[in-house]
């Protein structure tokens, strides 16, 4: 299963079906780990859980832009 598919499954699990069905827009925007901004405990736990050792960014800019466009279309047509 792709990372984005997993994220959509998590989104579906996090919200009631009625809320998702009535949402104007839905989106997955990615993730980011910034160890440089974490305290020692958070950094330690994140490294153990993720196996990622340095600051990492996976922001999905295209998804953010599509989400904003969908919101703008809804507002303009409202």
C-alpha atoms as a PDB file:
ATOM      1  CA  UNK A   1       0.000   0.000   0.000  1.00  0.00           C
ATOM      2  CA  UNK A   2       1.332   3.450  -0.932  1.00  0.00           C
ATOM      3  CA  UNK A   3       2.067   6.016   1.755  1.00  0.00           C
ATOM      4  CA  UNK A   4      -0.703   8.304   0.465  1.00  0.00           C
ATOM      5  CA  UNK A   5      -3.225   5.424   0.503  1.00  0.00           C
ATOM      6  CA  UNK A   6      -2.307   4.738   4.122  1.00  0.00           C
ATOM      7  CA  UNK A   7      -2.800   8.420   4.954  1.00  0.00           C
ATOM      8  CA  UNK A   8      -6.270   8.458   3.345  1.00  0.00           C
ATOM      9  CA  UNK A   9      -7.191   5.336   5.322  1.00  0.00           C
ATOM     10  CA  UNK A  10      -6.089   7.122   8.504  1.00  0.00           C
ATOM     11  CA  UNK A  11      -8.193  10.143   7.500  1.00  0.00           C
ATOM     12  CA  UNK A  12     -11.232   7.907   6.981  1.00  0.00           C
ATOM     13  CA  UNK A  13     -10.645   6.208  10.339  1.00  0.00           C
ATOM     14  CA  UNK A  14     -10.274   9.549  12.142  1.00  0.00           C
ATOM     15  CA  UNK A  15     -13.578  11.109  11.062  1.00  0.00           C
ATOM     16  CA  UNK A  16     -17.157   9.939  10.904  1.00  0.00           C
ATOM     17  CA  UNK A  17     -18.367   8.990   7.416  1.00  0.00           C
ATOM     18  CA  UNK A  18     -21.009  11.748   7.510  1.00  0.00           C
ATOM     19  CA  UNK A  19     -18.358  14.419   8.101  1.00  0.00           C
ATOM     20  CA  UNK A  20     -16.151  13.160   5.273  1.00  0.00           C
ATOM     21  CA  UNK A  21     -19.097  12.857   2.878  1.00  0.00           C
ATOM     22  CA  UNK A  22     -20.118  16.463   3.552  1.00  0.00           C
ATOM     23  CA  UNK A  23     -16.620  17.935   3.512  1.00  0.00           C
ATOM     24  CA  UNK A  24     -15.984  20.578   0.863  1.00  0.00           C
ATOM     25  CA  UNK A  25     -12.452  19.278   0.370  1.00  0.00           C
ATOM     26  CA  UNK A  26     -10.250  16.536   1.773  1.00  0.00           C
ATOM     27  CA  UNK A  27      -6.507  16.286   1.484  1.00  0.00           C
ATOM     28  CA  UNK A  28      -3.294  14.720   2.592  1.00  0.00           C
ATOM     29  CA  UNK A  29      -0.502  17.273   2.931  1.00  0.00           C
ATOM     30  CA  UNK A  30       2.475  15.127   3.887  1.00  0.00           C
ATOM     31  CA  UNK A  31       4.654  15.215   6.968  1.00  0.00           C
ATOM     32  CA  UNK A  32       7.810  16.658   8.414  1.00  0.00           C
ATOM     33  CA  UNK A  33      10.231  15.661  11.170  1.00  0.00           C
ATOM     34  CA  UNK A  34      12.290  18.538  12.518  1.00  0.00           C
ATOM     35  CA  UNK A  35      14.604  17.125  15.146  1.00  0.00           C
ATOM     36  CA  UNK A  36      16.273  20.526  15.458  1.00  0.00           C
ATOM     37  CA  UNK A  37      13.026  21.866  16.968  1.00  0.00           C
ATOM     38  CA  UNK A  38      12.371  18.905  19.295  1.00  0.00           C
ATOM     39  CA  UNK A  39      13.421  18.439  22.882  1.00  0.00           C
ATOM     40  CA  UNK A  40      15.579  15.453  23.836  1.00  0.00           C
ATOM     41  CA  UNK A  41      12.706  13.121  24.795  1.00  0.00           C
ATOM     42  CA  UNK A  42      10.669  13.837  21.641  1.00  0.00           C
ATOM     43  CA  UNK A  43      13.784  13.430  19.474  1.00  0.00           C
ATOM     44  CA  UNK A  44      14.660  10.118  21.147  1.00  0.00           C
ATOM     45  CA  UNK A  45      11.147   8.677  20.722  1.00  0.00           C
ATOM     46  CA  UNK A  46      10.792   9.887  17.115  1.00  0.00           C
ATOM     47  CA  UNK A  47      14.126   8.350  16.107  1.00  0.00           C
ATOM     48  CA  UNK A  48      13.219   5.001  17.676  1.00  0.00           C
ATOM     49  CA  UNK A  49       9.765   4.897  16.087  1.00  0.00           C
ATOM     50  CA  UNK A  50      10.595   6.199  12.604  1.00  0.00           C
ATOM     51  CA  UNK A  51      14.193   4.987  12.177  1.00  0.00           C
ATOM     52  CA  UNK A  52      14.871   8.389  10.594  1.00  0.00           C
ATOM     53  CA  UNK A  53      17.992  10.071  11.984  1.00  0.00           C
ATOM     54  CA  UNK A  54      17.867  13.620  10.541  1.00  0.00           C
ATOM     55  CA  UNK A  55      15.421  16.413   9.728  1.00  0.00           C
ATOM     56  CA  UNK A  56      13.179  15.172   6.933  1.00  0.00           C
ATOM     57  CA  UNK A  57      10.392  16.850   4.996  1.00  0.00           C
ATOM     58  CA  UNK A  58       7.784  15.236   2.767  1.00  0.00           C
ATOM     59  CA  UNK A  59       5.364  18.119   2.242  1.00  0.00           C
ATOM     60  CA  UNK A  60       3.023  17.482  -0.702  1.00  0.00           C
ATOM     61  CA  UNK A  61       2.786  20.981  -2.180  1.00  0.00           C
ATOM     62  CA  UNK A  62       0.648  19.853  -5.131  1.00  0.00           C
ATOM     63  CA  UNK A  63      -1.923  18.385  -2.735  1.00  0.00           C
ATOM     64  CA  UNK A  64      -2.002  21.632  -0.754  1.00  0.00           C
ATOM     65  CA  UNK A  65      -2.541  23.642  -3.949  1.00  0.00           C
ATOM     66  CA  UNK A  66      -5.324  21.302  -5.134  1.00  0.00           C
ATOM     67  CA  UNK A  67      -6.999  21.577  -1.731  1.00  0.00           C
ATOM     68  CA  UNK A  68      -6.835  25.387  -1.847  1.00  0.00           C
ATOM     69  CA  UNK A  69      -8.227  25.420  -5.394  1.00  0.00           C
ATOM     70  CA  UNK A  70     -11.145  23.209  -4.332  1.00  0.00           C
ATOM     71  CA  UNK A  71     -11.927  25.501  -1.389  1.00  0.00           C
ATOM     72  CA  UNK A  72     -11.692  28.577  -3.642  1.00  0.00           C
ATOM     73  CA  UNK A  73     -14.028  26.986  -6.240  1.00  0.00           C
ATOM     74  CA  UNK A  74     -16.561  26.299  -3.514  1.00  0.00           C
ATOM     75  CA  UNK A  75     -16.334  29.832  -2.112  1.00  0.00           C
ATOM     76  CA  UNK A  76     -16.646  31.447  -5.565  1.00  0.00           C
ATOM     77  CA  UNK A  77     -19.667  29.292  -6.448  1.00  0.00           C
ATOM     78  CA  UNK A  78     -21.296  29.786  -3.041  1.00  0.00           C
END
